[in-house]
Amino acid sequence: MVFSASVTHEALPEFSGLSYNAPGLLGYNLLIHWGSGRYTCFVSTSFLGSRTSHRLPDLSAVPGFAGSKPQSGDSVEASADAAAADAALSRLLRSDMNNPLALKELDLRLAGSEEEYTVP
């Protein structure tokens, strides 16, 4: 599977190119990682509808989420993975992702795209 997404080079980027076409496409796992911080978000195809981009929401003002975004000058690794499976999303989310037999039963297929940048 080949998949390519791009991100805006901001503290909380917008991922675009979320238009992968695969049988059983469930959605996209969007991730940014910086220093000791990590932010991940799964966006389902139902949530996206006809849109092909998604901006990570700013949760830094929500209690318990202080430091949930990189700061100016931080080096960020961003990745987007398209996830397809022969099972419903609810079943996938209930599965033990560390169990190779469970993953084989779901026929989970991933395609990824990565990018690195420095927050302006």
PDB file of N, CA and C in Angstrom:
ATOM      1  N   MET A   1       0.850  -1.176   0.000  1.00  0.00           N
ATOM      2  CA  MET A   1       0.000   0.000   0.000  1.00  0.00           C
ATOM      3  C   MET A   1       0.893   1.235   0.000  1.00  0.00           C
ATOM      4  N   VAL A   2       0.590   2.184  -0.848  1.00  0.00           N
ATOM      5  CA  VAL A   2       1.342   3.430  -0.923  1.00  0.00           C
ATOM      6  C   VAL A   2       0.408   4.565  -0.510  1.00  0.00           C
ATOM      7  N   PHE A   3       0.906   5.438   0.352  1.00  0.00           N
ATOM      8  CA  PHE A   3       0.094   6.529   0.877  1.00  0.00           C
ATOM      9  C   PHE A   3       1.006   7.723   1.120  1.00  0.00           C
ATOM     10  N   SER A   4       0.570   8.904   0.772  1.00  0.00           N
ATOM     11  CA  SER A   4       1.376  10.097   0.991  1.00  0.00           C
ATOM     12  C   SER A   4       0.498  11.212   1.537  1.00  0.00           C
ATOM     13  N   ALA A   5       0.889  11.741   2.678  1.00  0.00           N
ATOM     14  CA  ALA A   5       0.176  12.874   3.278  1.00  0.00           C
ATOM     15  C   ALA A   5       1.205  13.968   3.530  1.00  0.00           C
ATOM     16  N   SER A   6       0.749  15.187   3.696  1.00  0.00           N
ATOM     17  CA  SER A   6       1.662  16.279   4.021  1.00  0.00           C
ATOM     18  C   SER A   6       1.103  17.037   5.217  1.00  0.00           C
ATOM     19  N   VAL A   7       1.986  17.777   5.886  1.00  0.00           N
ATOM     20  CA  VAL A   7       1.579  18.545   7.059  1.00  0.00           C
ATOM     21  C   VAL A   7       2.056  19.983   6.929  1.00  0.00           C
ATOM     22  N   THR A   8       1.279  20.899   7.509  1.00  0.00           N
ATOM     23  CA  THR A   8       1.745  22.278   7.622  1.00  0.00           C
ATOM     24  C   THR A   8       2.768  22.302   8.751  1.00  0.00           C
ATOM     25  N   HIS A   9       3.777  23.123   8.644  1.00  0.00           N
ATOM     26  CA  HIS A   9       4.855  23.161   9.631  1.00  0.00           C
ATOM     27  C   HIS A   9       4.503  24.125  10.754  1.00  0.00           C
ATOM     28  N   GLU A  10       3.555  23.704  11.578  1.00  0.00           N
ATOM     29  CA  GLU A  10       3.077  24.496  12.701  1.00  0.00           C
ATOM     30  C   GLU A  10       3.113  23.640  13.959  1.00  0.00           C
ATOM     31  N   ALA A  11       2.913  24.280  15.127  1.00  0.00           N
ATOM     32  CA  ALA A  11       2.904  23.531  16.382  1.00  0.00           C
ATOM     33  C   ALA A  11       1.867  22.413  16.313  1.00  0.00           C
ATOM     34  N   LEU A  12       0.675  22.715  15.857  1.00  0.00           N
ATOM     35  CA  LEU A  12      -0.376  21.707  15.666  1.00  0.00           C
ATOM     36  C   LEU A  12      -0.721  21.716  14.178  1.00  0.00           C
ATOM     37  N   PRO A  13      -0.130  20.807  13.441  1.00  0.00           N
ATOM     38  CA  PRO A  13      -0.248  20.872  11.985  1.00  0.00           C
ATOM     39  C   PRO A  13      -1.599  20.428  11.446  1.00  0.00           C
ATOM     40  N   GLU A  14      -1.836  20.819  10.216  1.00  0.00           N
ATOM     41  CA  GLU A  14      -2.953  20.298   9.450  1.00  0.00           C
ATOM     42  C   GLU A  14      -2.395  19.208   8.541  1.00  0.00           C
ATOM     43  N   PHE A  15      -2.978  18.037   8.606  1.00  0.00           N
ATOM     44  CA  PHE A  15      -2.590  16.932   7.741  1.00  0.00           C
ATOM     45  C   PHE A  15      -3.480  16.980   6.508  1.00  0.00           C
ATOM     46  N   SER A  16      -2.888  16.951   5.332  1.00  0.00           N
ATOM     47  CA  SER A  16      -3.678  16.941   4.102  1.00  0.00           C
ATOM     48  C   SER A  16      -3.282  15.737   3.256  1.00  0.00           C
ATOM     49  N   GLY A  17      -4.073  15.467   2.244  1.00  0.00           N
ATOM     50  CA  GLY A  17      -3.841  14.290   1.421  1.00  0.00           C
ATOM     51  C   GLY A  17      -4.467  13.045   2.010  1.00  0.00           C
ATOM     52  N   LEU A  18      -5.453  13.227   2.892  1.00  0.00           N
ATOM     53  CA  LEU A  18      -6.121  12.092   3.520  1.00  0.00           C
ATOM     54  C   LEU A  18      -7.212  11.584   2.574  1.00  0.00           C
ATOM     55  N   SER A  19      -6.764  11.018   1.492  1.00  0.00           N
ATOM     56  CA  SER A  19      -7.698  10.563   0.455  1.00  0.00           C
ATOM     57  C   SER A  19      -7.307   9.190  -0.073  1.00  0.00           C
ATOM     58  N   TYR A  20      -6.708   8.395   0.785  1.00  0.00           N
ATOM     59  CA  TYR A  20      -6.273   7.061   0.394  1.00  0.00           C
ATOM     60  C   TYR A  20      -7.481   6.212   0.029  1.00  0.00           C
ATOM     61  N   ASN A  21      -7.358   5.451  -1.037  1.00  0.00           N
ATOM     62  CA  ASN A  21      -8.462   4.629  -1.497  1.00  0.00           C
ATOM     63  C   ASN A  21      -8.082   3.164  -1.335  1.00  0.00           C
ATOM     64  N   ALA A  22      -8.685   2.499  -0.387  1.00  0.00           N
ATOM     65  CA  ALA A  22      -8.398   1.083  -0.138  1.00  0.00           C
ATOM     66  C   ALA A  22      -9.661   0.395   0.361  1.00  0.00           C
ATOM     67  N   PRO A  23      -9.850  -0.861  -0.007  1.00  0.00           N
ATOM     68  CA  PRO A  23     -10.991  -1.603   0.535  1.00  0.00           C
ATOM     69  C   PRO A  23     -10.890  -1.684   2.057  1.00  0.00           C
ATOM     70  N   GLY A  24     -11.975  -1.440   2.745  1.00  0.00           N
ATOM     71  CA  GLY A  24     -11.987  -1.534   4.199  1.00  0.00           C
ATOM     72  C   GLY A  24     -11.293  -0.388   4.909  1.00  0.00           C
ATOM     73  N   LEU A  25     -11.095   0.750   4.227  1.00  0.00           N
ATOM     74  CA  LEU A  25     -10.424   1.887   4.868  1.00  0.00           C
ATOM     75  C   LEU A  25     -11.238   2.352   6.067  1.00  0.00           C
ATOM     76  N   LEU A  26     -10.605   2.388   7.241  1.00  0.00           N
ATOM     77  CA  LEU A  26     -11.274   2.791   8.482  1.00  0.00           C
ATOM     78  C   LEU A  26     -11.014   4.251   8.812  1.00  0.00           C
ATOM     79  N   GLY A  27      -9.803   4.735   8.517  1.00  0.00           N
ATOM     80  CA  GLY A  27      -9.447   6.106   8.836  1.00  0.00           C
ATOM     81  C   GLY A  27      -7.949   6.277   8.901  1.00  0.00           C
ATOM     82  N   TYR A  28      -7.534   7.321   9.625  1.00  0.00           N
ATOM     83  CA  TYR A  28      -6.134   7.711   9.665  1.00  0.00           C
ATOM     84  C   TYR A  28      -5.674   7.938  11.105  1.00  0.00           C
ATOM     85  N   ASN A  29      -4.515   7.414  11.420  1.00  0.00           N
ATOM     86  CA  ASN A  29      -3.894   7.691  12.708  1.00  0.00           C
ATOM     87  C   ASN A  29      -2.894   8.814  12.480  1.00  0.00           C
ATOM     88  N   LEU A  30      -3.115   9.959  13.101  1.00  0.00           N
ATOM     89  CA  LEU A  30      -2.270  11.139  12.941  1.00  0.00           C
ATOM     90  C   LEU A  30      -1.446  11.310  14.210  1.00  0.00           C
ATOM     91  N   LEU A  31      -0.146  11.516  14.050  1.00  0.00           N
ATOM     92  CA  LEU A  31       0.752  11.565  15.200  1.00  0.00           C
ATOM     93  C   LEU A  31       1.795  12.649  15.027  1.00  0.00           C
ATOM     94  N   ILE A  32       2.048  13.399  16.084  1.00  0.00           N
ATOM     95  CA  ILE A  32       3.238  14.251  16.137  1.00  0.00           C
ATOM     96  C   ILE A  32       4.003  13.884  17.400  1.00  0.00           C
ATOM     97  N   HIS A  33       5.315  13.935  17.287  1.00  0.00           N
ATOM     98  CA  HIS A  33       6.194  13.573  18.398  1.00  0.00           C
ATOM     99  C   HIS A  33       7.307  14.609  18.461  1.00  0.00           C
ATOM    100  N   TRP A  34       7.571  15.127  19.654  1.00  0.00           N
ATOM    101  CA  TRP A  34       8.631  16.111  19.845  1.00  0.00           C
ATOM    102  C   TRP A  34       9.231  15.896  21.222  1.00  0.00           C
ATOM    103  N   GLY A  35      10.524  16.054  21.377  1.00  0.00           N
ATOM    104  CA  GLY A  35      11.163  15.900  22.686  1.00  0.00           C
ATOM    105  C   GLY A  35      10.550  14.763  23.465  1.00  0.00           C
ATOM    106  N   SER A  36       9.920  15.097  24.584  1.00  0.00           N
ATOM    107  CA  SER A  36       9.256  14.063  25.387  1.00  0.00           C
ATOM    108  C   SER A  36       7.732  14.092  25.189  1.00  0.00           C
ATOM    109  N   GLY A  37       7.267  14.868  24.218  1.00  0.00           N
ATOM    110  CA  GLY A  37       5.828  14.980  23.982  1.00  0.00           C
ATOM    111  C   GLY A  37       5.356  14.140  22.811  1.00  0.00           C
ATOM    112  N   ARG A  38       4.082  13.781  22.891  1.00  0.00           N
ATOM    113  CA  ARG A  38       3.469  12.963  21.846  1.00  0.00           C
ATOM    114  C   ARG A  38       1.978  13.293  21.795  1.00  0.00           C
ATOM    115  N   TYR A  39       1.450  13.427  20.597  1.00  0.00           N
ATOM    116  CA  TYR A  39       0.036  13.731  20.389  1.00  0.00           C
ATOM    117  C   TYR A  39      -0.444  12.822  19.264  1.00  0.00           C
ATOM    118  N   THR A  40      -1.434  12.021  19.544  1.00  0.00           N
ATOM    119  CA  THR A  40      -1.972  11.130  18.521  1.00  0.00           C
ATOM    120  C   THR A  40      -3.485  11.273  18.447  1.00  0.00           C
ATOM    121  N   CYS A  41      -4.006  11.110  17.252  1.00  0.00           N
ATOM    122  CA  CYS A  41      -5.437  11.293  17.013  1.00  0.00           C
ATOM    123  C   CYS A  41      -5.846  10.343  15.894  1.00  0.00           C
ATOM    124  N   PHE A  42      -6.891   9.550  16.117  1.00  0.00           N
ATOM    125  CA  PHE A  42      -7.427   8.708  15.055  1.00  0.00           C
ATOM    126  C   PHE A  42      -8.663   9.393  14.487  1.00  0.00           C
ATOM    127  N   VAL A  43      -8.670   9.580  13.168  1.00  0.00           N
ATOM    128  CA  VAL A  43      -9.784  10.240  12.487  1.00  0.00           C
ATOM    129  C   VAL A  43     -10.426   9.223  11.554  1.00  0.00           C
ATOM    130  N   SER A  44     -11.677   8.894  11.796  1.00  0.00           N
ATOM    131  CA  SER A  44     -12.359   7.898  10.975  1.00  0.00           C
ATOM    132  C   SER A  44     -12.796   8.501   9.637  1.00  0.00           C
ATOM    133  N   THR A  45     -13.023   7.635   8.671  1.00  0.00           N
ATOM    134  CA  THR A  45     -13.507   8.098   7.376  1.00  0.00           C
ATOM    135  C   THR A  45     -14.895   8.718   7.523  1.00  0.00           C
ATOM    136  N   SER A  46     -15.708   8.210   8.458  1.00  0.00           N
ATOM    137  CA  SER A  46     -17.038   8.786   8.700  1.00  0.00           C
ATOM    138  C   SER A  46     -16.925  10.218   9.202  1.00  0.00           C
ATOM    139  N   PHE A  47     -15.967  10.465  10.107  1.00  0.00           N
ATOM    140  CA  PHE A  47     -15.768  11.813  10.640  1.00  0.00           C
ATOM    141  C   PHE A  47     -15.310  12.761   9.537  1.00  0.00           C
ATOM    142  N   LEU A  48     -14.390  12.309   8.695  1.00  0.00           N
ATOM    143  CA  LEU A  48     -13.873  13.166   7.624  1.00  0.00           C
ATOM    144  C   LEU A  48     -14.926  13.461   6.564  1.00  0.00           C
ATOM    145  N   GLY A  49     -15.792  12.504   6.280  1.00  0.00           N
ATOM    146  CA  GLY A  49     -16.757  12.707   5.195  1.00  0.00           C
ATOM    147  C   GLY A  49     -16.017  12.905   3.888  1.00  0.00           C
ATOM    148  N   SER A  50     -16.298  13.997   3.194  1.00  0.00           N
ATOM    149  CA  SER A  50     -15.638  14.270   1.917  1.00  0.00           C
ATOM    150  C   SER A  50     -14.361  15.098   2.081  1.00  0.00           C
ATOM    151  N   ARG A  51     -14.058  15.522   3.299  1.00  0.00           N
ATOM    152  CA  ARG A  51     -12.845  16.317   3.535  1.00  0.00           C
ATOM    153  C   ARG A  51     -11.604  15.438   3.388  1.00  0.00           C
ATOM    154  N   THR A  52     -10.498  16.027   2.985  1.00  0.00           N
ATOM    155  CA  THR A  52      -9.238  15.295   2.832  1.00  0.00           C
ATOM    156  C   THR A  52      -8.135  15.882   3.704  1.00  0.00           C
ATOM    157  N   SER A  53      -8.526  16.683   4.696  1.00  0.00           N
ATOM    158  CA  SER A  53      -7.535  17.243   5.617  1.00  0.00           C
ATOM    159  C   SER A  53      -8.124  17.323   7.023  1.00  0.00           C
ATOM    160  N   HIS A  54      -7.219  17.381   8.007  1.00  0.00           N
ATOM    161  CA  HIS A  54      -7.643  17.493   9.402  1.00  0.00           C
ATOM    162  C   HIS A  54      -6.534  18.184  10.188  1.00  0.00           C
ATOM    163  N   ARG A  55      -6.902  19.220  10.954  1.00  0.00           N
ATOM    164  CA  ARG A  55      -5.955  19.921  11.827  1.00  0.00           C
ATOM    165  C   ARG A  55      -6.080  19.346  13.235  1.00  0.00           C
ATOM    166  N   LEU A  56      -4.941  19.058  13.852  1.00  0.00           N
ATOM    167  CA  LEU A  56      -4.969  18.589  15.231  1.00  0.00           C
ATOM    168  C   LEU A  56      -5.513  19.704  16.116  1.00  0.00           C
ATOM    169  N   PRO A  57      -6.511  19.422  16.936  1.00  0.00           N
ATOM    170  CA  PRO A  57      -7.079  20.466  17.793  1.00  0.00           C
ATOM    171  C   PRO A  57      -6.132  20.852  18.925  1.00  0.00           C
ATOM    172  N   ASP A  58      -6.222  22.113  19.340  1.00  0.00           N
ATOM    173  CA  ASP A  58      -5.398  22.621  20.438  1.00  0.00           C
ATOM    174  C   ASP A  58      -6.089  22.325  21.761  1.00  0.00           C
ATOM    175  N   LEU A  59      -5.550  21.383  22.512  1.00  0.00           N
ATOM    176  CA  LEU A  59      -6.112  21.001  23.805  1.00  0.00           C
ATOM    177  C   LEU A  59      -5.325  21.595  24.977  1.00  0.00           C
ATOM    178  N   SER A  60      -4.324  22.433  24.686  1.00  0.00           N
ATOM    179  CA  SER A  60      -3.419  22.906  25.736  1.00  0.00           C
ATOM    180  C   SER A  60      -4.105  23.714  26.836  1.00  0.00           C
ATOM    181  N   ALA A  61      -5.278  24.286  26.579  1.00  0.00           N
ATOM    182  CA  ALA A  61      -5.983  25.058  27.608  1.00  0.00           C
ATOM    183  C   ALA A  61      -6.923  24.178  28.444  1.00  0.00           C
ATOM    184  N   VAL A  62      -7.099  22.938  28.058  1.00  0.00           N
ATOM    185  CA  VAL A  62      -7.980  22.020  28.792  1.00  0.00           C
ATOM    186  C   VAL A  62      -7.223  21.485  30.009  1.00  0.00           C
ATOM    187  N   PRO A  63      -7.841  21.474  31.191  1.00  0.00           N
ATOM    188  CA  PRO A  63      -7.155  20.958  32.376  1.00  0.00           C
ATOM    189  C   PRO A  63      -6.590  19.551  32.125  1.00  0.00           C
ATOM    190  N   GLY A  64      -5.339  19.384  32.486  1.00  0.00           N
ATOM    191  CA  GLY A  64      -4.670  18.103  32.313  1.00  0.00           C
ATOM    192  C   GLY A  64      -3.931  17.962  30.998  1.00  0.00           C
ATOM    193  N   PHE A  65      -4.060  18.948  30.115  1.00  0.00           N
ATOM    194  CA  PHE A  65      -3.410  18.864  28.808  1.00  0.00           C
ATOM    195  C   PHE A  65      -2.329  19.930  28.618  1.00  0.00           C
ATOM    196  N   ALA A  66      -1.848  20.520  29.702  1.00  0.00           N
ATOM    197  CA  ALA A  66      -0.766  21.504  29.590  1.00  0.00           C
ATOM    198  C   ALA A  66       0.430  20.836  28.923  1.00  0.00           C
ATOM    199  N   GLY A  67       1.088  21.546  28.046  1.00  0.00           N
ATOM    200  CA  GLY A  67       2.253  21.004  27.362  1.00  0.00           C
ATOM    201  C   GLY A  67       1.907  20.011  26.274  1.00  0.00           C
ATOM    202  N   SER A  68       0.645  20.044  25.801  1.00  0.00           N
ATOM    203  CA  SER A  68       0.219  19.062  24.814  1.00  0.00           C
ATOM    204  C   SER A  68       0.492  19.484  23.376  1.00  0.00           C
ATOM    205  N   LYS A  69       1.334  20.498  23.209  1.00  0.00           N
ATOM    206  CA  LYS A  69       1.740  20.864  21.855  1.00  0.00           C
ATOM    207  C   LYS A  69       3.181  21.358  21.884  1.00  0.00           C
ATOM    208  N   PRO A  70       3.896  21.159  20.782  1.00  0.00           N
ATOM    209  CA  PRO A  70       5.283  21.609  20.728  1.00  0.00           C
ATOM    210  C   PRO A  70       5.372  23.129  20.702  1.00  0.00           C
ATOM    211  N   GLN A  71       6.523  23.638  21.105  1.00  0.00           N
ATOM    212  CA  GLN A  71       6.757  25.079  21.158  1.00  0.00           C
ATOM    213  C   GLN A  71       7.669  25.507  20.011  1.00  0.00           C
ATOM    214  N   SER A  72       7.750  26.798  19.780  1.00  0.00           N
ATOM    215  CA  SER A  72       8.619  27.343  18.743  1.00  0.00           C
ATOM    216  C   SER A  72      10.043  26.829  18.937  1.00  0.00           C
ATOM    217  N   GLY A  73      10.654  26.353  17.856  1.00  0.00           N
ATOM    218  CA  GLY A  73      12.007  25.822  17.904  1.00  0.00           C
ATOM    219  C   GLY A  73      12.078  24.318  18.123  1.00  0.00           C
ATOM    220  N   ASP A  74      10.966  23.693  18.541  1.00  0.00           N
ATOM    221  CA  ASP A  74      10.959  22.242  18.743  1.00  0.00           C
ATOM    222  C   ASP A  74      11.032  21.516  17.402  1.00  0.00           C
ATOM    223  N   SER A  75      11.781  20.438  17.381  1.00  0.00           N
ATOM    224  CA  SER A  75      11.840  19.557  16.229  1.00  0.00           C
ATOM    225  C   SER A  75      10.696  18.557  16.342  1.00  0.00           C
ATOM    226  N   VAL A  76       9.911  18.423  15.283  1.00  0.00           N
ATOM    227  CA  VAL A  76       8.708  17.600  15.310  1.00  0.00           C
ATOM    228  C   VAL A  76       8.791  16.518  14.236  1.00  0.00           C
ATOM    229  N   GLU A  77       8.408  15.306  14.616  1.00  0.00           N
ATOM    230  CA  GLU A  77       8.225  14.223  13.660  1.00  0.00           C
ATOM    231  C   GLU A  77       6.719  14.027  13.528  1.00  0.00           C
ATOM    232  N   ALA A  78       6.218  14.115  12.315  1.00  0.00           N
ATOM    233  CA  ALA A  78       4.786  13.942  12.070  1.00  0.00           C
ATOM    234  C   ALA A  78       4.590  12.719  11.186  1.00  0.00           C
ATOM    235  N   SER A  79       3.551  11.961  11.489  1.00  0.00           N
ATOM    236  CA  SER A  79       3.242  10.813  10.641  1.00  0.00           C
ATOM    237  C   SER A  79       1.732  10.645  10.510  1.00  0.00           C
ATOM    238  N   ALA A  80       1.339  10.110   9.393  1.00  0.00           N
ATOM    239  CA  ALA A  80      -0.055   9.781   9.130  1.00  0.00           C
ATOM    240  C   ALA A  80      -0.084   8.358   8.597  1.00  0.00           C
ATOM    241  N   ASP A  81      -0.924   7.536   9.189  1.00  0.00           N
ATOM    242  CA  ASP A  81      -1.077   6.154   8.741  1.00  0.00           C
ATOM    243  C   ASP A  81      -2.519   5.916   8.337  1.00  0.00           C
ATOM    244  N   ALA A  82      -2.716   5.401   7.141  1.00  0.00           N
ATOM    245  CA  ALA A  82      -4.040   4.981   6.703  1.00  0.00           C
ATOM    246  C   ALA A  82      -4.230   3.559   7.210  1.00  0.00           C
ATOM    247  N   ALA A  83      -5.363   3.293   7.839  1.00  0.00           N
ATOM    248  CA  ALA A  83      -5.642   1.967   8.405  1.00  0.00           C
ATOM    249  C   ALA A  83      -6.841   1.347   7.700  1.00  0.00           C
ATOM    250  N   ALA A  84      -6.629   0.154   7.168  1.00  0.00           N
ATOM    251  CA  ALA A  84      -7.706  -0.593   6.522  1.00  0.00           C
ATOM    252  C   ALA A  84      -7.750  -1.980   7.140  1.00  0.00           C
ATOM    253  N   ALA A  85      -8.934  -2.539   7.230  1.00  0.00           N
ATOM    254  CA  ALA A  85      -9.087  -3.874   7.817  1.00  0.00           C
ATOM    255  C   ALA A  85     -10.368  -4.502   7.300  1.00  0.00           C
ATOM    256  N   ASP A  86     -10.427  -5.809   7.439  1.00  0.00           N
ATOM    257  CA  ASP A  86     -11.633  -6.543   7.074  1.00  0.00           C
ATOM    258  C   ASP A  86     -12.535  -6.706   8.291  1.00  0.00           C
ATOM    259  N   ALA A  87     -12.563  -5.696   9.149  1.00  0.00           N
ATOM    260  CA  ALA A  87     -13.372  -5.729  10.364  1.00  0.00           C
ATOM    261  C   ALA A  87     -13.854  -4.309  10.651  1.00  0.00           C
ATOM    262  N   ALA A  88     -14.889  -4.197  11.446  1.00  0.00           N
ATOM    263  CA  ALA A  88     -15.418  -2.888  11.831  1.00  0.00           C
ATOM    264  C   ALA A  88     -14.424  -2.169  12.735  1.00  0.00           C
ATOM    265  N   LEU A  89     -14.446  -0.851  12.700  1.00  0.00           N
ATOM    266  CA  LEU A  89     -13.559  -0.046  13.534  1.00  0.00           C
ATOM    267  C   LEU A  89     -13.733  -0.385  15.010  1.00  0.00           C
ATOM    268  N   SER A  90     -14.961  -0.602  15.455  1.00  0.00           N
ATOM    269  CA  SER A  90     -15.192  -0.917  16.866  1.00  0.00           C
ATOM    270  C   SER A  90     -14.474  -2.210  17.261  1.00  0.00           C
ATOM    271  N   ARG A  91     -14.460  -3.187  16.381  1.00  0.00           N
ATOM    272  CA  ARG A  91     -13.766  -4.447  16.672  1.00  0.00           C
ATOM    273  C   ARG A  91     -12.255  -4.227  16.704  1.00  0.00           C
ATOM    274  N   LEU A  92     -11.765  -3.410  15.792  1.00  0.00           N
ATOM    275  CA  LEU A  92     -10.334  -3.107  15.765  1.00  0.00           C
ATOM    276  C   LEU A  92      -9.902  -2.425  17.056  1.00  0.00           C
ATOM    277  N   LEU A  93     -10.703  -1.470  17.534  1.00  0.00           N
ATOM    278  CA  LEU A  93     -10.352  -0.729  18.742  1.00  0.00           C
ATOM    279  C   LEU A  93     -10.405  -1.608  19.986  1.00  0.00           C
ATOM    280  N   ARG A  94     -11.186  -2.670  19.970  1.00  0.00           N
ATOM    281  CA  ARG A  94     -11.251  -3.598  21.098  1.00  0.00           C
ATOM    282  C   ARG A  94     -10.152  -4.650  21.048  1.00  0.00           C
ATOM    283  N   SER A  95      -9.399  -4.715  19.964  1.00  0.00           N
ATOM    284  CA  SER A  95      -8.392  -5.767  19.784  1.00  0.00           C
ATOM    285  C   SER A  95      -7.112  -5.462  20.538  1.00  0.00           C
ATOM    286  N   ASP A  96      -6.382  -6.519  20.830  1.00  0.00           N
ATOM    287  CA  ASP A  96      -5.065  -6.400  21.447  1.00  0.00           C
ATOM    288  C   ASP A  96      -4.055  -6.143  20.337  1.00  0.00           C
ATOM    289  N   MET A  97      -3.657  -4.882  20.174  1.00  0.00           N
ATOM    290  CA  MET A  97      -2.761  -4.505  19.075  1.00  0.00           C
ATOM    291  C   MET A  97      -1.361  -5.077  19.240  1.00  0.00           C
ATOM    292  N   ASN A  98      -1.049  -5.637  20.397  1.00  0.00           N
ATOM    293  CA  ASN A  98       0.256  -6.249  20.619  1.00  0.00           C
ATOM    294  C   ASN A  98       0.237  -7.753  20.347  1.00  0.00           C
ATOM    295  N   ASN A  99      -0.920  -8.273  19.960  1.00  0.00           N
ATOM    296  CA  ASN A  99      -1.059  -9.694  19.697  1.00  0.00           C
ATOM    297  C   ASN A  99      -1.068  -9.936  18.188  1.00  0.00           C
ATOM    298  N   PRO A 100       0.022 -10.508  17.636  1.00  0.00           N
ATOM    299  CA  PRO A 100       0.094 -10.730  16.192  1.00  0.00           C
ATOM    300  C   PRO A 100      -1.046 -11.585  15.648  1.00  0.00           C
ATOM    301  N   LEU A 101      -1.539 -12.543  16.436  1.00  0.00           N
ATOM    302  CA  LEU A 101      -2.643 -13.384  15.969  1.00  0.00           C
ATOM    303  C   LEU A 101      -3.930 -12.581  15.825  1.00  0.00           C
ATOM    304  N   ALA A 102      -4.161 -11.671  16.757  1.00  0.00           N
ATOM    305  CA  ALA A 102      -5.359 -10.827  16.684  1.00  0.00           C
ATOM    306  C   ALA A 102      -5.289  -9.929  15.452  1.00  0.00           C
ATOM    307  N   LEU A 103      -4.116  -9.386  15.175  1.00  0.00           N
ATOM    308  CA  LEU A 103      -3.963  -8.514  14.008  1.00  0.00           C
ATOM    309  C   LEU A 103      -4.140  -9.295  12.715  1.00  0.00           C
ATOM    310  N   LYS A 104      -3.625 -10.511  12.675  1.00  0.00           N
ATOM    311  CA  LYS A 104      -3.774 -11.328  11.472  1.00  0.00           C
ATOM    312  C   LYS A 104      -5.245 -11.635  11.215  1.00  0.00           C
ATOM    313  N   GLU A 105      -5.986 -11.922  12.275  1.00  0.00           N
ATOM    314  CA  GLU A 105      -7.416 -12.221  12.147  1.00  0.00           C
ATOM    315  C   GLU A 105      -8.182 -11.027  11.590  1.00  0.00           C
ATOM    316  N   LEU A 106      -7.765  -9.807  11.939  1.00  0.00           N
ATOM    317  CA  LEU A 106      -8.431  -8.596  11.472  1.00  0.00           C
ATOM    318  C   LEU A 106      -8.004  -8.209  10.061  1.00  0.00           C
ATOM    319  N   ASP A 107      -6.903  -8.795   9.582  1.00  0.00           N
ATOM    320  CA  ASP A 107      -6.309  -8.418   8.301  1.00  0.00           C
ATOM    321  C   ASP A 107      -6.081  -6.912   8.253  1.00  0.00           C
ATOM    322  N   LEU A 108      -5.423  -6.385   9.285  1.00  0.00           N
ATOM    323  CA  LEU A 108      -5.121  -4.960   9.380  1.00  0.00           C
ATOM    324  C   LEU A 108      -4.018  -4.609   8.402  1.00  0.00           C
ATOM    325  N   ARG A 109      -4.246  -3.567   7.625  1.00  0.00           N
ATOM    326  CA  ARG A 109      -3.255  -3.098   6.662  1.00  0.00           C
ATOM    327  C   ARG A 109      -2.997  -1.620   6.941  1.00  0.00           C
ATOM    328  N   LEU A 110      -1.716  -1.259   7.006  1.00  0.00           N
ATOM    329  CA  LEU A 110      -1.338   0.129   7.268  1.00  0.00           C
ATOM    330  C   LEU A 110      -0.476   0.655   6.129  1.00  0.00           C
ATOM    331  N   ALA A 111      -0.630   1.926   5.830  1.00  0.00           N
ATOM    332  CA  ALA A 111       0.244   2.610   4.888  1.00  0.00           C
ATOM    333  C   ALA A 111       0.588   3.936   5.536  1.00  0.00           C
ATOM    334  N   GLY A 112       1.850   4.307   5.537  1.00  0.00           N
ATOM    335  CA  GLY A 112       2.242   5.492   6.279  1.00  0.00           C
ATOM    336  C   GLY A 112       2.997   6.526   5.484  1.00  0.00           C
ATOM    337  N   SER A 113       3.027   7.707   6.040  1.00  0.00           N
ATOM    338  CA  SER A 113       3.741   8.841   5.478  1.00  0.00           C
ATOM    339  C   SER A 113       4.337   9.612   6.651  1.00  0.00           C
ATOM    340  N   GLU A 114       5.626   9.987   6.562  1.00  0.00           N
ATOM    341  CA  GLU A 114       6.297  10.697   7.647  1.00  0.00           C
ATOM    342  C   GLU A 114       6.967  11.969   7.151  1.00  0.00           C
ATOM    343  N   GLU A 115       7.106  12.930   8.069  1.00  0.00           N
ATOM    344  CA  GLU A 115       7.763  14.194   7.753  1.00  0.00           C
ATOM    345  C   GLU A 115       8.343  14.783   9.025  1.00  0.00           C
ATOM    346  N   GLU A 116       9.481  15.451   8.914  1.00  0.00           N
ATOM    347  CA  GLU A 116      10.093  16.147  10.052  1.00  0.00           C
ATOM    348  C   GLU A 116      10.172  17.635   9.734  1.00  0.00           C
ATOM    349  N   TYR A 117       9.998  18.450  10.785  1.00  0.00           N
ATOM    350  CA  TYR A 117      10.113  19.899  10.619  1.00  0.00           C
ATOM    351  C   TYR A 117      10.399  20.542  11.969  1.00  0.00           C
ATOM    352  N   THR A 118      10.755  21.825  11.944  1.00  0.00           N
ATOM    353  CA  THR A 118      10.975  22.607  13.151  1.00  0.00           C
ATOM    354  C   THR A 118       9.848  23.624  13.265  1.00  0.00           C
ATOM    355  N   VAL A 119       9.236  23.719  14.428  1.00  0.00           N
ATOM    356  CA  VAL A 119       8.133  24.663  14.636  1.00  0.00           C
ATOM    357  C   VAL A 119       8.680  26.087  14.556  1.00  0.00           C
ATOM    358  N   PRO A 120       8.099  26.931  13.709  1.00  0.00           N
ATOM    359  CA  PRO A 120       8.582  28.325  13.595  1.00  0.00           C
ATOM    360  C   PRO A 120       8.330  29.129  14.861  1.00  0.00           C
TER     361      PRO A 120
END
